[in-house]
Amino acid sequence: MFGVNFGFKIDIFNEIPWQKFKLLPSVKKLPLNEQVRKYNLYINELTYERNVYLKWLEGHKKGPLLRIRNVGFLLQENLFDLEQEDGSKIFITALTK
């Protein structure tokens, strides 16, 4: 995004904390104000790359998520399965988009 060469590839899943960033060979020789500036650029670039990835991920969803919602209640007085008159079990779920 900014064209800053950090001397390493940015890993959007593993952020480098300040304590480790300032010890990198390309950073530790710089004055403190330059170290801070470079770290701020790194955090901005990291945030940008994460947002790009999340936007890409959003466009590659497999389809709408199905949500189960409660459509009512049945009172069951014992711990046995609910059954219909023919003995088959009753399953109550509602799938919505």
PDB file of N, CA and C in Angstrom:
ATOM      1  N   MET A   1       0.825  -1.190   0.000  1.00  0.00           N
ATOM      2  CA  MET A   1       0.000   0.000   0.000  1.00  0.00           C
ATOM      3  C   MET A   1       0.868   1.253   0.000  1.00  0.00           C
ATOM      4  N   PHE A   2       1.807   1.325   0.910  1.00  0.00           N
ATOM      5  CA  PHE A   2       2.629   2.521   1.045  1.00  0.00           C
ATOM      6  C   PHE A   2       3.971   2.384   0.355  1.00  0.00           C
ATOM      7  N   GLY A   3       4.313   1.192  -0.084  1.00  0.00           N
ATOM      8  CA  GLY A   3       5.583   0.977  -0.747  1.00  0.00           C
ATOM      9  C   GLY A   3       6.763   0.980   0.209  1.00  0.00           C
ATOM     10  N   VAL A   4       6.518   0.729   1.481  1.00  0.00           N
ATOM     11  CA  VAL A   4       7.588   0.697   2.472  1.00  0.00           C
ATOM     12  C   VAL A   4       8.194  -0.696   2.487  1.00  0.00           C
ATOM     13  N   ASN A   5       9.513  -0.762   2.434  1.00  0.00           N
ATOM     14  CA  ASN A   5      10.199  -2.044   2.509  1.00  0.00           C
ATOM     15  C   ASN A   5      10.554  -2.320   3.966  1.00  0.00           C
ATOM     16  N   PHE A   6       9.889  -3.312   4.548  1.00  0.00           N
ATOM     17  CA  PHE A   6      10.132  -3.638   5.942  1.00  0.00           C
ATOM     18  C   PHE A   6      11.244  -4.672   6.094  1.00  0.00           C
ATOM     19  N   GLY A   7      11.681  -5.254   4.997  1.00  0.00           N
ATOM     20  CA  GLY A   7      12.704  -6.287   5.063  1.00  0.00           C
ATOM     21  C   GLY A   7      12.127  -7.661   5.352  1.00  0.00           C
ATOM     22  N   PHE A   8      10.808  -7.771   5.348  1.00  0.00           N
ATOM     23  CA  PHE A   8      10.122  -9.043   5.576  1.00  0.00           C
ATOM     24  C   PHE A   8       8.724  -8.939   4.991  1.00  0.00           C
ATOM     25  N   LYS A   9       8.129 -10.102   4.737  1.00  0.00           N
ATOM     26  CA  LYS A   9       6.759 -10.136   4.228  1.00  0.00           C
ATOM     27  C   LYS A   9       5.796 -10.020   5.404  1.00  0.00           C
ATOM     28  N   ILE A  10       4.780  -9.208   5.258  1.00  0.00           N
ATOM     29  CA  ILE A  10       3.801  -9.019   6.327  1.00  0.00           C
ATOM     30  C   ILE A  10       2.899 -10.239   6.414  1.00  0.00           C
ATOM     31  N   ASP A  11       2.804 -10.801   7.611  1.00  0.00           N
ATOM     32  CA  ASP A  11       1.935 -11.940   7.895  1.00  0.00           C
ATOM     33  C   ASP A  11       0.706 -11.400   8.615  1.00  0.00           C
ATOM     34  N   ILE A  12      -0.447 -11.396   7.935  1.00  0.00           N
ATOM     35  CA  ILE A  12      -1.646 -10.781   8.520  1.00  0.00           C
ATOM     36  C   ILE A  12      -2.198 -11.556   9.708  1.00  0.00           C
ATOM     37  N   PHE A  13      -1.753 -12.791   9.886  1.00  0.00           N
ATOM     38  CA  PHE A  13      -2.259 -13.606  10.988  1.00  0.00           C
ATOM     39  C   PHE A  13      -1.375 -13.542  12.228  1.00  0.00           C
ATOM     40  N   ASN A  14      -0.155 -13.019  12.092  1.00  0.00           N
ATOM     41  CA  ASN A  14       0.785 -12.948  13.211  1.00  0.00           C
ATOM     42  C   ASN A  14       1.403 -11.565  13.285  1.00  0.00           C
ATOM     43  N   GLU A  15       0.776 -10.708  14.055  1.00  0.00           N
ATOM     44  CA  GLU A  15       1.265  -9.340  14.212  1.00  0.00           C
ATOM     45  C   GLU A  15       2.541  -9.330  15.052  1.00  0.00           C
ATOM     46  N   ILE A  16       3.493  -8.513  14.643  1.00  0.00           N
ATOM     47  CA  ILE A  16       4.733  -8.369  15.403  1.00  0.00           C
ATOM     48  C   ILE A  16       4.523  -7.273  16.450  1.00  0.00           C
ATOM     49  N   PRO A  17       4.640  -7.598  17.719  1.00  0.00           N
ATOM     50  CA  PRO A  17       4.488  -6.553  18.742  1.00  0.00           C
ATOM     51  C   PRO A  17       5.672  -5.586  18.727  1.00  0.00           C
ATOM     52  N   TRP A  18       5.457  -4.404  19.269  1.00  0.00           N
ATOM     53  CA  TRP A  18       6.474  -3.360  19.286  1.00  0.00           C
ATOM     54  C   TRP A  18       7.784  -3.859  19.891  1.00  0.00           C
ATOM     55  N   GLN A  19       7.693  -4.622  20.995  1.00  0.00           N
ATOM     56  CA  GLN A  19       8.893  -5.099  21.676  1.00  0.00           C
ATOM     57  C   GLN A  19       9.791  -5.917  20.749  1.00  0.00           C
ATOM     58  N   LYS A  20       9.211  -6.693  19.853  1.00  0.00           N
ATOM     59  CA  LYS A  20      10.003  -7.494  18.908  1.00  0.00           C
ATOM     60  C   LYS A  20      10.355  -6.694  17.657  1.00  0.00           C
ATOM     61  N   PHE A  21       9.438  -5.820  17.225  1.00  0.00           N
ATOM     62  CA  PHE A  21       9.661  -5.036  16.013  1.00  0.00           C
ATOM     63  C   PHE A  21      10.905  -4.166  16.149  1.00  0.00           C
ATOM     64  N   LYS A  22      11.057  -3.505  17.304  1.00  0.00           N
ATOM     65  CA  LYS A  22      12.184  -2.581  17.476  1.00  0.00           C
ATOM     66  C   LYS A  22      13.534  -3.296  17.551  1.00  0.00           C
ATOM     67  N   LEU A  23      13.522  -4.640  17.679  1.00  0.00           N
ATOM     68  CA  LEU A  23      14.759  -5.416  17.724  1.00  0.00           C
ATOM     69  C   LEU A  23      15.141  -6.017  16.369  1.00  0.00           C
ATOM     70  N   LEU A  24      14.296  -5.821  15.352  1.00  0.00           N
ATOM     71  CA  LEU A  24      14.621  -6.319  14.017  1.00  0.00           C
ATOM     72  C   LEU A  24      15.886  -5.635  13.508  1.00  0.00           C
ATOM     73  N   PRO A  25      16.748  -6.368  12.792  1.00  0.00           N
ATOM     74  CA  PRO A  25      18.023  -5.792  12.323  1.00  0.00           C
ATOM     75  C   PRO A  25      17.867  -4.498  11.523  1.00  0.00           C
ATOM     76  N   SER A  26      16.841  -4.415  10.692  1.00  0.00           N
ATOM     77  CA  SER A  26      16.666  -3.211   9.869  1.00  0.00           C
ATOM     78  C   SER A  26      16.055  -2.051  10.656  1.00  0.00           C
ATOM     79  N   VAL A  27      15.609  -2.309  11.882  1.00  0.00           N
ATOM     80  CA  VAL A  27      14.936  -1.276  12.678  1.00  0.00           C
ATOM     81  C   VAL A  27      15.795  -0.808  13.851  1.00  0.00           C
ATOM     82  N   LYS A  28      16.500  -1.721  14.504  1.00  0.00           N
ATOM     83  CA  LYS A  28      17.198  -1.371  15.746  1.00  0.00           C
ATOM     84  C   LYS A  28      18.313  -0.339  15.571  1.00  0.00           C
ATOM     85  N   LYS A  29      18.842  -0.201  14.363  1.00  0.00           N
ATOM     86  CA  LYS A  29      19.913   0.784  14.126  1.00  0.00           C
ATOM     87  C   LYS A  29      19.370   2.204  13.894  1.00  0.00           C
ATOM     88  N   LEU A  30      18.044   2.325  13.741  1.00  0.00           N
ATOM     89  CA  LEU A  30      17.422   3.628  13.478  1.00  0.00           C
ATOM     90  C   LEU A  30      17.203   4.401  14.779  1.00  0.00           C
ATOM     91  N   PRO A  31      17.115   5.734  14.690  1.00  0.00           N
ATOM     92  CA  PRO A  31      16.743   6.524  15.872  1.00  0.00           C
ATOM     93  C   PRO A  31      15.323   6.162  16.319  1.00  0.00           C
ATOM     94  N   LEU A  32      15.024   6.402  17.576  1.00  0.00           N
ATOM     95  CA  LEU A  32      13.734   6.002  18.137  1.00  0.00           C
ATOM     96  C   LEU A  32      12.548   6.567  17.358  1.00  0.00           C
ATOM     97  N   ASN A  33      12.618   7.848  16.967  1.00  0.00           N
ATOM     98  CA  ASN A  33      11.487   8.428  16.235  1.00  0.00           C
ATOM     99  C   ASN A  33      11.274   7.724  14.886  1.00  0.00           C
ATOM    100  N   GLU A  34      12.334   7.281  14.243  1.00  0.00           N
ATOM    101  CA  GLU A  34      12.209   6.541  12.985  1.00  0.00           C
ATOM    102  C   GLU A  34      11.670   5.132  13.235  1.00  0.00           C
ATOM    103  N   GLN A  35      12.068   4.518  14.345  1.00  0.00           N
ATOM    104  CA  GLN A  35      11.534   3.204  14.706  1.00  0.00           C
ATOM    105  C   GLN A  35      10.023   3.284  14.902  1.00  0.00           C
ATOM    106  N   VAL A  36       9.582   4.302  15.625  1.00  0.00           N
ATOM    107  CA  VAL A  36       8.151   4.496  15.880  1.00  0.00           C
ATOM    108  C   VAL A  36       7.414   4.757  14.573  1.00  0.00           C
ATOM    109  N   ARG A  37       7.987   5.601  13.723  1.00  0.00           N
ATOM    110  CA  ARG A  37       7.354   5.908  12.429  1.00  0.00           C
ATOM    111  C   ARG A  37       7.215   4.645  11.588  1.00  0.00           C
ATOM    112  N   LYS A  38       8.285   3.854  11.559  1.00  0.00           N
ATOM    113  CA  LYS A  38       8.268   2.624  10.764  1.00  0.00           C
ATOM    114  C   LYS A  38       7.258   1.621  11.339  1.00  0.00           C
ATOM    115  N   TYR A  39       7.159   1.545  12.667  1.00  0.00           N
ATOM    116  CA  TYR A  39       6.186   0.636  13.284  1.00  0.00           C
ATOM    117  C   TYR A  39       4.760   1.080  12.967  1.00  0.00           C
ATOM    118  N   ASN A  40       4.515   2.396  13.013  1.00  0.00           N
ATOM    119  CA  ASN A  40       3.180   2.901  12.653  1.00  0.00           C
ATOM    120  C   ASN A  40       2.843   2.569  11.205  1.00  0.00           C
ATOM    121  N   LEU A  41       3.825   2.695  10.318  1.00  0.00           N
ATOM    122  CA  LEU A  41       3.605   2.312   8.916  1.00  0.00           C
ATOM    123  C   LEU A  41       3.313   0.817   8.803  1.00  0.00           C
ATOM    124  N   TYR A  42       4.038   0.024   9.588  1.00  0.00           N
ATOM    125  CA  TYR A  42       3.812  -1.423   9.593  1.00  0.00           C
ATOM    126  C   TYR A  42       2.387  -1.748  10.043  1.00  0.00           C
ATOM    127  N   ILE A  43       1.932  -1.123  11.129  1.00  0.00           N
ATOM    128  CA  ILE A  43       0.573  -1.374  11.639  1.00  0.00           C
ATOM    129  C   ILE A  43      -0.471  -0.931  10.615  1.00  0.00           C
ATOM    130  N   ASN A  44      -0.245   0.201   9.967  1.00  0.00           N
ATOM    131  CA  ASN A  44      -1.183   0.654   8.928  1.00  0.00           C
ATOM    132  C   ASN A  44      -1.224  -0.328   7.758  1.00  0.00           C
ATOM    133  N   GLU A  45      -0.062  -0.784   7.332  1.00  0.00           N
ATOM    134  CA  GLU A  45       0.007  -1.751   6.232  1.00  0.00           C
ATOM    135  C   GLU A  45      -0.648  -3.069   6.629  1.00  0.00           C
ATOM    136  N   LEU A  46      -0.401  -3.516   7.855  1.00  0.00           N
ATOM    137  CA  LEU A  46      -1.003  -4.747   8.364  1.00  0.00           C
ATOM    138  C   LEU A  46      -2.527  -4.641   8.381  1.00  0.00           C
ATOM    139  N   THR A  47      -3.034  -3.527   8.856  1.00  0.00           N
ATOM    140  CA  THR A  47      -4.479  -3.298   8.892  1.00  0.00           C
ATOM    141  C   THR A  47      -5.062  -3.302   7.488  1.00  0.00           C
ATOM    142  N   TYR A  48      -4.381  -2.636   6.559  1.00  0.00           N
ATOM    143  CA  TYR A  48      -4.832  -2.608   5.171  1.00  0.00           C
ATOM    144  C   TYR A  48      -4.879  -4.018   4.581  1.00  0.00           C
ATOM    145  N   GLU A  49      -3.814  -4.791   4.767  1.00  0.00           N
ATOM    146  CA  GLU A  49      -3.750  -6.153   4.226  1.00  0.00           C
ATOM    147  C   GLU A  49      -4.834  -7.040   4.834  1.00  0.00           C
ATOM    148  N   ARG A  50      -5.086  -6.883   6.130  1.00  0.00           N
ATOM    149  CA  ARG A  50      -6.152  -7.660   6.778  1.00  0.00           C
ATOM    150  C   ARG A  50      -7.515  -7.300   6.201  1.00  0.00           C
ATOM    151  N   ASN A  51      -7.752  -6.008   5.983  1.00  0.00           N
ATOM    152  CA  ASN A  51      -9.030  -5.578   5.409  1.00  0.00           C
ATOM    153  C   ASN A  51      -9.208  -6.101   3.985  1.00  0.00           C
ATOM    154  N   VAL A  52      -8.136  -6.091   3.201  1.00  0.00           N
ATOM    155  CA  VAL A  52      -8.199  -6.644   1.842  1.00  0.00           C
ATOM    156  C   VAL A  52      -8.554  -8.129   1.901  1.00  0.00           C
ATOM    157  N   TYR A  53      -7.918  -8.849   2.808  1.00  0.00           N
ATOM    158  CA  TYR A  53      -8.199 -10.284   2.961  1.00  0.00           C
ATOM    159  C   TYR A  53      -9.648 -10.514   3.386  1.00  0.00           C
ATOM    160  N   LEU A  54     -10.138  -9.743   4.349  1.00  0.00           N
ATOM    161  CA  LEU A  54     -11.524  -9.909   4.803  1.00  0.00           C
ATOM    162  C   LEU A  54     -12.514  -9.593   3.690  1.00  0.00           C
ATOM    163  N   LYS A  55     -12.214  -8.590   2.889  1.00  0.00           N
ATOM    164  CA  LYS A  55     -13.080  -8.243   1.750  1.00  0.00           C
ATOM    165  C   LYS A  55     -13.080  -9.388   0.732  1.00  0.00           C
ATOM    166  N   TRP A  56     -11.907  -9.959   0.471  1.00  0.00           N
ATOM    167  CA  TRP A  56     -11.811 -11.098  -0.438  1.00  0.00           C
ATOM    168  C   TRP A  56     -12.597 -12.277   0.122  1.00  0.00           C
ATOM    169  N   LEU A  57     -12.450 -12.544   1.401  1.00  0.00           N
ATOM    170  CA  LEU A  57     -13.138 -13.652   2.052  1.00  0.00           C
ATOM    171  C   LEU A  57     -14.648 -13.475   1.965  1.00  0.00           C
ATOM    172  N   GLU A  58     -15.107 -12.257   2.136  1.00  0.00           N
ATOM    173  CA  GLU A  58     -16.544 -11.957   2.067  1.00  0.00           C
ATOM    174  C   GLU A  58     -17.112 -12.332   0.698  1.00  0.00           C
ATOM    175  N   GLY A  59     -16.341 -12.134  -0.358  1.00  0.00           N
ATOM    176  CA  GLY A  59     -16.810 -12.445  -1.706  1.00  0.00           C
ATOM    177  C   GLY A  59     -16.718 -13.921  -2.062  1.00  0.00           C
ATOM    178  N   HIS A  60     -16.126 -14.730  -1.203  1.00  0.00           N
ATOM    179  CA  HIS A  60     -15.947 -16.145  -1.502  1.00  0.00           C
ATOM    180  C   HIS A  60     -16.708 -17.061  -0.548  1.00  0.00           C
ATOM    181  N   LYS A  61     -17.791 -16.570  -0.005  1.00  0.00           N
ATOM    182  CA  LYS A  61     -18.622 -17.421   0.853  1.00  0.00           C
ATOM    183  C   LYS A  61     -19.316 -18.454  -0.012  1.00  0.00           C
ATOM    184  N   LYS A  62     -19.592 -19.604   0.556  1.00  0.00           N
ATOM    185  CA  LYS A  62     -20.196 -20.712  -0.190  1.00  0.00           C
ATOM    186  C   LYS A  62     -21.682 -20.508  -0.458  1.00  0.00           C
ATOM    187  N   GLY A  63     -22.314 -19.657   0.272  1.00  0.00           N
ATOM    188  CA  GLY A  63     -23.742 -19.437   0.088  1.00  0.00           C
ATOM    189  C   GLY A  63     -24.318 -18.856   1.362  1.00  0.00           C
ATOM    190  N   PRO A  64     -25.632 -18.671   1.383  1.00  0.00           N
ATOM    191  CA  PRO A  64     -26.232 -18.088   2.583  1.00  0.00           C
ATOM    192  C   PRO A  64     -26.136 -19.045   3.767  1.00  0.00           C
ATOM    193  N   LEU A  65     -25.907 -18.473   4.924  1.00  0.00           N
ATOM    194  CA  LEU A  65     -25.887 -19.285   6.131  1.00  0.00           C
ATOM    195  C   LEU A  65     -27.311 -19.605   6.537  1.00  0.00           C
ATOM    196  N   LEU A  66     -27.531 -20.828   6.962  1.00  0.00           N
ATOM    197  CA  LEU A  66     -28.840 -21.209   7.477  1.00  0.00           C
ATOM    198  C   LEU A  66     -28.832 -21.019   8.981  1.00  0.00           C
ATOM    199  N   ARG A  67     -29.850 -20.376   9.458  1.00  0.00           N
ATOM    200  CA  ARG A  67     -29.960 -20.143  10.894  1.00  0.00           C
ATOM    201  C   ARG A  67     -31.147 -20.926  11.427  1.00  0.00           C
ATOM    202  N   ILE A  68     -30.963 -21.548  12.563  1.00  0.00           N
ATOM    203  CA  ILE A  68     -32.071 -22.250  13.216  1.00  0.00           C
ATOM    204  C   ILE A  68     -32.743 -21.256  14.145  1.00  0.00           C
ATOM    205  N   ARG A  69     -34.034 -21.137  14.004  1.00  0.00           N
ATOM    206  CA  ARG A  69     -34.744 -20.226  14.892  1.00  0.00           C
ATOM    207  C   ARG A  69     -35.840 -20.993  15.616  1.00  0.00           C
ATOM    208  N   ASN A  70     -36.149 -20.547  16.773  1.00  0.00           N
ATOM    209  CA  ASN A  70     -37.174 -21.186  17.589  1.00  0.00           C
ATOM    210  C   ASN A  70     -38.540 -20.783  17.049  1.00  0.00           C
ATOM    211  N   VAL A  71     -39.370 -21.754  16.718  1.00  0.00           N
ATOM    212  CA  VAL A  71     -40.696 -21.456  16.181  1.00  0.00           C
ATOM    213  C   VAL A  71     -41.804 -21.821  17.155  1.00  0.00           C
ATOM    214  N   GLY A  72     -41.455 -22.347  18.312  1.00  0.00           N
ATOM    215  CA  GLY A  72     -42.466 -22.696  19.300  1.00  0.00           C
ATOM    216  C   GLY A  72     -41.880 -23.599  20.357  1.00  0.00           C
ATOM    217  N   PHE A  73     -42.720 -23.975  21.273  1.00  0.00           N
ATOM    218  CA  PHE A  73     -42.284 -24.824  22.373  1.00  0.00           C
ATOM    219  C   PHE A  73     -43.217 -26.020  22.489  1.00  0.00           C
ATOM    220  N   LEU A  74     -42.664 -27.140  22.874  1.00  0.00           N
ATOM    221  CA  LEU A  74     -43.458 -28.314  23.227  1.00  0.00           C
ATOM    222  C   LEU A  74     -43.091 -28.679  24.651  1.00  0.00           C
ATOM    223  N   LEU A  75     -44.092 -28.937  25.467  1.00  0.00           N
ATOM    224  CA  LEU A  75     -43.849 -29.327  26.842  1.00  0.00           C
ATOM    225  C   LEU A  75     -43.743 -30.841  26.895  1.00  0.00           C
ATOM    226  N   GLN A  76     -42.622 -31.306  27.386  1.00  0.00           N
ATOM    227  CA  GLN A  76     -42.395 -32.746  27.496  1.00  0.00           C
ATOM    228  C   GLN A  76     -42.200 -33.040  28.973  1.00  0.00           C
ATOM    229  N   GLU A  77     -43.026 -33.929  29.526  1.00  0.00           N
ATOM    230  CA  GLU A  77     -42.996 -34.158  30.963  1.00  0.00           C
ATOM    231  C   GLU A  77     -42.054 -35.282  31.369  1.00  0.00           C
ATOM    232  N   ASN A  78     -41.548 -36.053  30.419  1.00  0.00           N
ATOM    233  CA  ASN A  78     -40.573 -37.088  30.754  1.00  0.00           C
ATOM    234  C   ASN A  78     -39.397 -36.963  29.795  1.00  0.00           C
ATOM    235  N   LEU A  79     -38.437 -37.816  29.896  1.00  0.00           N
ATOM    236  CA  LEU A  79     -37.241 -37.703  29.068  1.00  0.00           C
ATOM    237  C   LEU A  79     -37.286 -38.578  27.824  1.00  0.00           C
ATOM    238  N   PHE A  80     -38.451 -39.072  27.464  1.00  0.00           N
ATOM    239  CA  PHE A  80     -38.571 -39.898  26.267  1.00  0.00           C
ATOM    240  C   PHE A  80     -38.721 -39.024  25.031  1.00  0.00           C
ATOM    241  N   ASP A  81     -38.423 -39.618  23.863  1.00  0.00           N
ATOM    242  CA  ASP A  81     -38.580 -38.891  22.606  1.00  0.00           C
ATOM    243  C   ASP A  81     -40.047 -38.594  22.358  1.00  0.00           C
ATOM    244  N   LEU A  82     -40.288 -37.479  21.698  1.00  0.00           N
ATOM    245  CA  LEU A  82     -41.652 -37.193  21.249  1.00  0.00           C
ATOM    246  C   LEU A  82     -41.920 -38.050  20.022  1.00  0.00           C
ATOM    247  N   GLU A  83     -43.085 -38.688  19.991  1.00  0.00           N
ATOM    248  CA  GLU A  83     -43.395 -39.574  18.877  1.00  0.00           C
ATOM    249  C   GLU A  83     -44.760 -39.256  18.296  1.00  0.00           C
ATOM    250  N   GLN A  84     -44.909 -39.567  17.010  1.00  0.00           N
ATOM    251  CA  GLN A  84     -46.205 -39.470  16.359  1.00  0.00           C
ATOM    252  C   GLN A  84     -46.986 -40.736  16.662  1.00  0.00           C
ATOM    253  N   GLU A  85     -48.241 -40.770  16.190  1.00  0.00           N
ATOM    254  CA  GLU A  85     -49.095 -41.923  16.465  1.00  0.00           C
ATOM    255  C   GLU A  85     -48.529 -43.212  15.885  1.00  0.00           C
ATOM    256  N   ASP A  86     -47.775 -43.116  14.786  1.00  0.00           N
ATOM    257  CA  ASP A  86     -47.218 -44.324  14.169  1.00  0.00           C
ATOM    258  C   ASP A  86     -45.884 -44.731  14.814  1.00  0.00           C
ATOM    259  N   GLY A  87     -45.453 -44.007  15.835  1.00  0.00           N
ATOM    260  CA  GLY A  87     -44.224 -44.359  16.540  1.00  0.00           C
ATOM    261  C   GLY A  87     -42.968 -43.670  16.016  1.00  0.00           C
ATOM    262  N   SER A  88     -43.066 -42.911  14.930  1.00  0.00           N
ATOM    263  CA  SER A  88     -41.890 -42.215  14.425  1.00  0.00           C
ATOM    264  C   SER A  88     -41.626 -40.961  15.263  1.00  0.00           C
ATOM    265  N   LYS A  89     -40.353 -40.624  15.385  1.00  0.00           N
ATOM    266  CA  LYS A  89     -39.962 -39.494  16.230  1.00  0.00           C
ATOM    267  C   LYS A  89     -40.345 -38.163  15.581  1.00  0.00           C
ATOM    268  N   ILE A  90     -40.563 -37.167  16.410  1.00  0.00           N
ATOM    269  CA  ILE A  90     -40.874 -35.816  15.945  1.00  0.00           C
ATOM    270  C   ILE A  90     -39.623 -34.961  16.112  1.00  0.00           C
ATOM    271  N   PHE A  91     -39.179 -34.358  15.027  1.00  0.00           N
ATOM    272  CA  PHE A  91     -38.054 -33.426  15.059  1.00  0.00           C
ATOM    273  C   PHE A  91     -38.597 -32.054  14.721  1.00  0.00           C
ATOM    274  N   ILE A  92     -38.268 -31.074  15.542  1.00  0.00           N
ATOM    275  CA  ILE A  92     -38.787 -29.728  15.304  1.00  0.00           C
ATOM    276  C   ILE A  92     -37.612 -28.778  15.123  1.00  0.00           C
ATOM    277  N   THR A  93     -37.424 -28.327  13.895  1.00  0.00           N
ATOM    278  CA  THR A  93     -36.441 -27.299  13.600  1.00  0.00           C
ATOM    279  C   THR A  93     -36.994 -26.435  12.482  1.00  0.00           C
ATOM    280  N   ALA A  94     -36.509 -25.242  12.410  1.00  0.00           N
ATOM    281  CA  ALA A  94     -36.885 -24.355  11.311  1.00  0.00           C
ATOM    282  C   ALA A  94     -35.621 -23.752  10.774  1.00  0.00           C
ATOM    283  N   LEU A  95     -35.366 -23.913   9.494  1.00  0.00           N
ATOM    284  CA  LEU A  95     -34.175 -23.332   8.865  1.00  0.00           C
ATOM    285  C   LEU A  95     -34.600 -22.106   8.086  1.00  0.00           C
ATOM    286  N   THR A  96     -33.880 -21.019   8.316  1.00  0.00           N
ATOM    287  CA  THR A  96     -34.181 -19.772   7.602  1.00  0.00           C
ATOM    288  C   THR A  96     -32.888 -19.211   7.048  1.00  0.00           C
ATOM    289  N   LYS A  97     -33.016 -18.315   6.115  1.00  0.00           N
ATOM    290  CA  LYS A  97     -31.851 -17.630   5.546  1.00  0.00           C
ATOM    291  C   LYS A  97     -31.535 -16.428   6.365  1.00  0.00           C
TER     292      LYS A  97
END
